[in-house]
């Protein structure tokens, strides 16, 4: 996934490629951890892109609709956003410094998910697994 290809895909769908939209795509491509709206704003300021809060949330909604990013909540009530993953992954969350690390699991939970779905007559659309603890710096 690179900036040029993503922007071209948006353009082909008829979406405008504003300075803010391009900058937000760049922010997500260059960060490997979930970002809050405040984190996004801070990174945009670092890129010398000044945007109001409403515009940031409008762009977040657009990027979610386009399945470029997804919204996650990591146990503190704050919404964060990360690139829509190519593969399924989970998160390690430090309860001391709030650092977040994305992890892949060796065993897929598809079979477990199927059993739960069938047993409870429930259509599972996605799941989220979070591990809370202390990172190496905080131990």
C-alpha atoms as a PDB file:
ATOM      1  CA  UNK A   1       0.000   0.000   0.000  1.00  0.00           C
ATOM      2  CA  UNK A   2       1.518   3.310  -1.024  1.00  0.00           C
ATOM      3  CA  UNK A   3       0.295   6.895  -1.147  1.00  0.00           C
ATOM      4  CA  UNK A   4       0.148   7.143  -4.936  1.00  0.00           C
ATOM      5  CA  UNK A   5      -1.951   3.969  -5.360  1.00  0.00           C
ATOM      6  CA  UNK A   6      -4.365   4.903  -2.583  1.00  0.00           C
ATOM      7  CA  UNK A   7      -4.920   8.407  -3.898  1.00  0.00           C
ATOM      8  CA  UNK A   8      -5.404   7.064  -7.422  1.00  0.00           C
ATOM      9  CA  UNK A   9      -8.033   4.602  -6.117  1.00  0.00           C
ATOM     10  CA  UNK A  10      -9.873   7.484  -4.405  1.00  0.00           C
ATOM     11  CA  UNK A  11      -9.658   9.573  -7.587  1.00  0.00           C
ATOM     12  CA  UNK A  12     -11.070   6.716  -9.710  1.00  0.00           C
ATOM     13  CA  UNK A  13     -14.064   6.557  -7.364  1.00  0.00           C
ATOM     14  CA  UNK A  14     -14.639  10.263  -7.969  1.00  0.00           C
ATOM     15  CA  UNK A  15     -13.459  11.464  -4.554  1.00  0.00           C
ATOM     16  CA  UNK A  16     -11.711  14.805  -4.170  1.00  0.00           C
ATOM     17  CA  UNK A  17      -8.052  14.716  -3.183  1.00  0.00           C
ATOM     18  CA  UNK A  18      -7.785  17.644  -0.814  1.00  0.00           C
ATOM     19  CA  UNK A  19      -4.571  18.655   0.908  1.00  0.00           C
ATOM     20  CA  UNK A  20      -6.007  17.419   4.212  1.00  0.00           C
ATOM     21  CA  UNK A  21      -7.087  14.054   2.795  1.00  0.00           C
ATOM     22  CA  UNK A  22      -3.659  13.458   1.246  1.00  0.00           C
ATOM     23  CA  UNK A  23      -1.937  14.445   4.491  1.00  0.00           C
ATOM     24  CA  UNK A  24      -4.137  12.149   6.590  1.00  0.00           C
ATOM     25  CA  UNK A  25      -3.462   9.207   4.291  1.00  0.00           C
ATOM     26  CA  UNK A  26       0.259   9.966   4.649  1.00  0.00           C
ATOM     27  CA  UNK A  27      -0.079  10.101   8.460  1.00  0.00           C
ATOM     28  CA  UNK A  28      -1.668   6.642   8.583  1.00  0.00           C
ATOM     29  CA  UNK A  29       0.839   5.144   6.163  1.00  0.00           C
ATOM     30  CA  UNK A  30       3.758   6.363   8.297  1.00  0.00           C
ATOM     31  CA  UNK A  31       2.443   5.279  11.718  1.00  0.00           C
ATOM     32  CA  UNK A  32       2.293   1.722  12.917  1.00  0.00           C
ATOM     33  CA  UNK A  33       0.082   2.229  15.946  1.00  0.00           C
ATOM     34  CA  UNK A  34      -3.541   3.281  16.436  1.00  0.00           C
ATOM     35  CA  UNK A  35      -4.013   7.063  16.502  1.00  0.00           C
ATOM     36  CA  UNK A  36      -6.590   9.224  18.270  1.00  0.00           C
ATOM     37  CA  UNK A  37      -8.029  12.305  16.559  1.00  0.00           C
ATOM     38  CA  UNK A  38      -5.655  14.388  18.715  1.00  0.00           C
ATOM     39  CA  UNK A  39      -2.702  12.250  17.560  1.00  0.00           C
ATOM     40  CA  UNK A  40      -3.760  12.782  13.947  1.00  0.00           C
ATOM     41  CA  UNK A  41      -4.047  16.530  14.470  1.00  0.00           C
ATOM     42  CA  UNK A  42      -0.590  16.643  16.066  1.00  0.00           C
ATOM     43  CA  UNK A  43       0.951  14.773  13.144  1.00  0.00           C
ATOM     44  CA  UNK A  44      -0.825  17.021  10.651  1.00  0.00           C
ATOM     45  CA  UNK A  45       0.592  20.069  12.448  1.00  0.00           C
ATOM     46  CA  UNK A  46       4.031  18.467  12.173  1.00  0.00           C
ATOM     47  CA  UNK A  47       3.422  18.300   8.398  1.00  0.00           C
ATOM     48  CA  UNK A  48       2.424  22.000   8.481  1.00  0.00           C
ATOM     49  CA  UNK A  49      -1.199  21.160   7.661  1.00  0.00           C
ATOM     50  CA  UNK A  50      -3.598  23.186   9.805  1.00  0.00           C
ATOM     51  CA  UNK A  51      -7.051  21.613  10.045  1.00  0.00           C
ATOM     52  CA  UNK A  52      -9.999  22.183  12.357  1.00  0.00           C
ATOM     53  CA  UNK A  53     -11.428  19.382  14.470  1.00  0.00           C
ATOM     54  CA  UNK A  54     -14.589  19.056  12.367  1.00  0.00           C
ATOM     55  CA  UNK A  55     -12.560  18.451   9.214  1.00  0.00           C
ATOM     56  CA  UNK A  56     -10.460  15.794  10.936  1.00  0.00           C
ATOM     57  CA  UNK A  57     -13.584  13.902  12.030  1.00  0.00           C
ATOM     58  CA  UNK A  58     -15.165  14.271   8.572  1.00  0.00           C
ATOM     59  CA  UNK A  59     -12.014  12.827   6.987  1.00  0.00           C
ATOM     60  CA  UNK A  60     -11.922  10.018   9.567  1.00  0.00           C
ATOM     61  CA  UNK A  61     -15.522   9.137   8.603  1.00  0.00           C
ATOM     62  CA  UNK A  62     -14.596   9.218   4.914  1.00  0.00           C
ATOM     63  CA  UNK A  63     -11.516   6.992   5.428  1.00  0.00           C
ATOM     64  CA  UNK A  64     -13.574   4.551   7.511  1.00  0.00           C
ATOM     65  CA  UNK A  65     -16.272   4.384   4.817  1.00  0.00           C
ATOM     66  CA  UNK A  66     -13.606   3.682   2.216  1.00  0.00           C
ATOM     67  CA  UNK A  67     -12.233   0.907   4.463  1.00  0.00           C
ATOM     68  CA  UNK A  68      -8.832   2.576   4.519  1.00  0.00           C
ATOM     69  CA  UNK A  69      -8.873   2.827   8.323  1.00  0.00           C
ATOM     70  CA  UNK A  70     -10.869   1.186  11.067  1.00  0.00           C
ATOM     71  CA  UNK A  71     -11.949   2.425  14.458  1.00  0.00           C
ATOM     72  CA  UNK A  72     -10.806   0.624  17.581  1.00  0.00           C
ATOM     73  CA  UNK A  73     -11.249   1.185  21.294  1.00  0.00           C
ATOM     74  CA  UNK A  74      -8.467   0.010  23.584  1.00  0.00           C
ATOM     75  CA  UNK A  75     -10.196  -0.071  26.953  1.00  0.00           C
ATOM     76  CA  UNK A  76      -9.898   3.589  27.925  1.00  0.00           C
ATOM     77  CA  UNK A  77     -13.047   4.881  26.190  1.00  0.00           C
ATOM     78  CA  UNK A  78     -11.021   6.761  23.567  1.00  0.00           C
ATOM     79  CA  UNK A  79     -11.563   5.998  19.889  1.00  0.00           C
ATOM     80  CA  UNK A  80      -8.444   5.348  17.880  1.00  0.00           C
ATOM     81  CA  UNK A  81      -7.918   4.602  14.227  1.00  0.00           C
ATOM     82  CA  UNK A  82      -5.507   2.376  12.355  1.00  0.00           C
ATOM     83  CA  UNK A  83      -4.959   1.285   8.789  1.00  0.00           C
ATOM     84  CA  UNK A  84      -7.452  -1.342   7.701  1.00  0.00           C
ATOM     85  CA  UNK A  85      -5.326  -4.433   8.243  1.00  0.00           C
ATOM     86  CA  UNK A  86      -4.455  -6.758   5.380  1.00  0.00           C
ATOM     87  CA  UNK A  87      -4.322  -9.496   7.972  1.00  0.00           C
ATOM     88  CA  UNK A  88      -6.121  -9.952  11.258  1.00  0.00           C
ATOM     89  CA  UNK A  89      -4.165  -8.821  14.290  1.00  0.00           C
ATOM     90  CA  UNK A  90      -4.624  -7.975  17.941  1.00  0.00           C
ATOM     91  CA  UNK A  91      -3.108  -5.489  20.384  1.00  0.00           C
ATOM     92  CA  UNK A  92      -0.860  -5.429  23.453  1.00  0.00           C
ATOM     93  CA  UNK A  93      -1.723  -2.410  25.603  1.00  0.00           C
ATOM     94  CA  UNK A  94       0.470  -1.147  28.437  1.00  0.00           C
ATOM     95  CA  UNK A  95      -1.708  -0.005  31.346  1.00  0.00           C
ATOM     96  CA  UNK A  96       1.098   2.237  32.634  1.00  0.00           C
ATOM     97  CA  UNK A  97       2.323   4.248  29.606  1.00  0.00           C
ATOM     98  CA  UNK A  98      -0.564   3.437  27.218  1.00  0.00           C
ATOM     99  CA  UNK A  99       1.763   2.165  24.509  1.00  0.00           C
ATOM    100  CA  UNK A 100       0.092  -0.067  21.943  1.00  0.00           C
ATOM    101  CA  UNK A 101       1.709  -2.805  19.913  1.00  0.00           C
ATOM    102  CA  UNK A 102       0.011  -4.720  17.116  1.00  0.00           C
ATOM    103  CA  UNK A 103       0.584  -8.472  17.239  1.00  0.00           C
ATOM    104  CA  UNK A 104      -0.247 -11.448  15.070  1.00  0.00           C
ATOM    105  CA  UNK A 105      -1.326 -14.692  16.667  1.00  0.00           C
ATOM    106  CA  UNK A 106       0.090 -18.042  15.692  1.00  0.00           C
ATOM    107  CA  UNK A 107      -3.301 -19.738  15.762  1.00  0.00           C
ATOM    108  CA  UNK A 108      -6.282 -18.391  13.908  1.00  0.00           C
ATOM    109  CA  UNK A 109      -9.529 -18.000  15.841  1.00  0.00           C
ATOM    110  CA  UNK A 110     -11.757 -18.780  12.838  1.00  0.00           C
ATOM    111  CA  UNK A 111     -12.776 -22.231  14.133  1.00  0.00           C
ATOM    112  CA  UNK A 112     -13.527 -20.868  17.600  1.00  0.00           C
ATOM    113  CA  UNK A 113     -15.498 -18.014  16.069  1.00  0.00           C
ATOM    114  CA  UNK A 114     -17.524 -20.486  13.992  1.00  0.00           C
ATOM    115  CA  UNK A 115     -18.374 -22.595  17.070  1.00  0.00           C
ATOM    116  CA  UNK A 116     -19.476 -19.522  19.034  1.00  0.00           C
ATOM    117  CA  UNK A 117     -21.563 -18.312  16.105  1.00  0.00           C
ATOM    118  CA  UNK A 118     -23.331 -21.649  15.647  1.00  0.00           C
ATOM    119  CA  UNK A 119     -23.868 -22.317  19.362  1.00  0.00           C
ATOM    120  CA  UNK A 120     -25.418 -18.897  19.946  1.00  0.00           C
ATOM    121  CA  UNK A 121     -27.134 -18.415  16.581  1.00  0.00           C
ATOM    122  CA  UNK A 122     -25.151 -15.196  16.212  1.00  0.00           C
ATOM    123  CA  UNK A 123     -23.585 -13.809  13.060  1.00  0.00           C
ATOM    124  CA  UNK A 124     -20.115 -12.580  14.061  1.00  0.00           C
ATOM    125  CA  UNK A 125     -18.909  -9.789  11.806  1.00  0.00           C
ATOM    126  CA  UNK A 126     -15.561  -9.202  13.485  1.00  0.00           C
ATOM    127  CA  UNK A 127     -13.871  -9.645  16.829  1.00  0.00           C
ATOM    128  CA  UNK A 128     -11.268  -7.823  18.835  1.00  0.00           C
ATOM    129  CA  UNK A 129      -8.802  -9.293  21.268  1.00  0.00           C
ATOM    130  CA  UNK A 130      -6.768  -7.024  23.538  1.00  0.00           C
ATOM    131  CA  UNK A 131      -4.058  -7.959  25.994  1.00  0.00           C
ATOM    132  CA  UNK A 132      -3.528  -5.529  28.887  1.00  0.00           C
ATOM    133  CA  UNK A 133      -0.331  -5.515  30.939  1.00  0.00           C
ATOM    134  CA  UNK A 134       3.026  -3.825  31.346  1.00  0.00           C
ATOM    135  CA  UNK A 135       5.482  -3.214  28.524  1.00  0.00           C
ATOM    136  CA  UNK A 136       9.206  -3.865  28.978  1.00  0.00           C
ATOM    137  CA  UNK A 137       9.878  -0.212  29.959  1.00  0.00           C
ATOM    138  CA  UNK A 138       7.153  -0.162  32.633  1.00  0.00           C
ATOM    139  CA  UNK A 139       7.821  -3.551  34.287  1.00  0.00           C
END
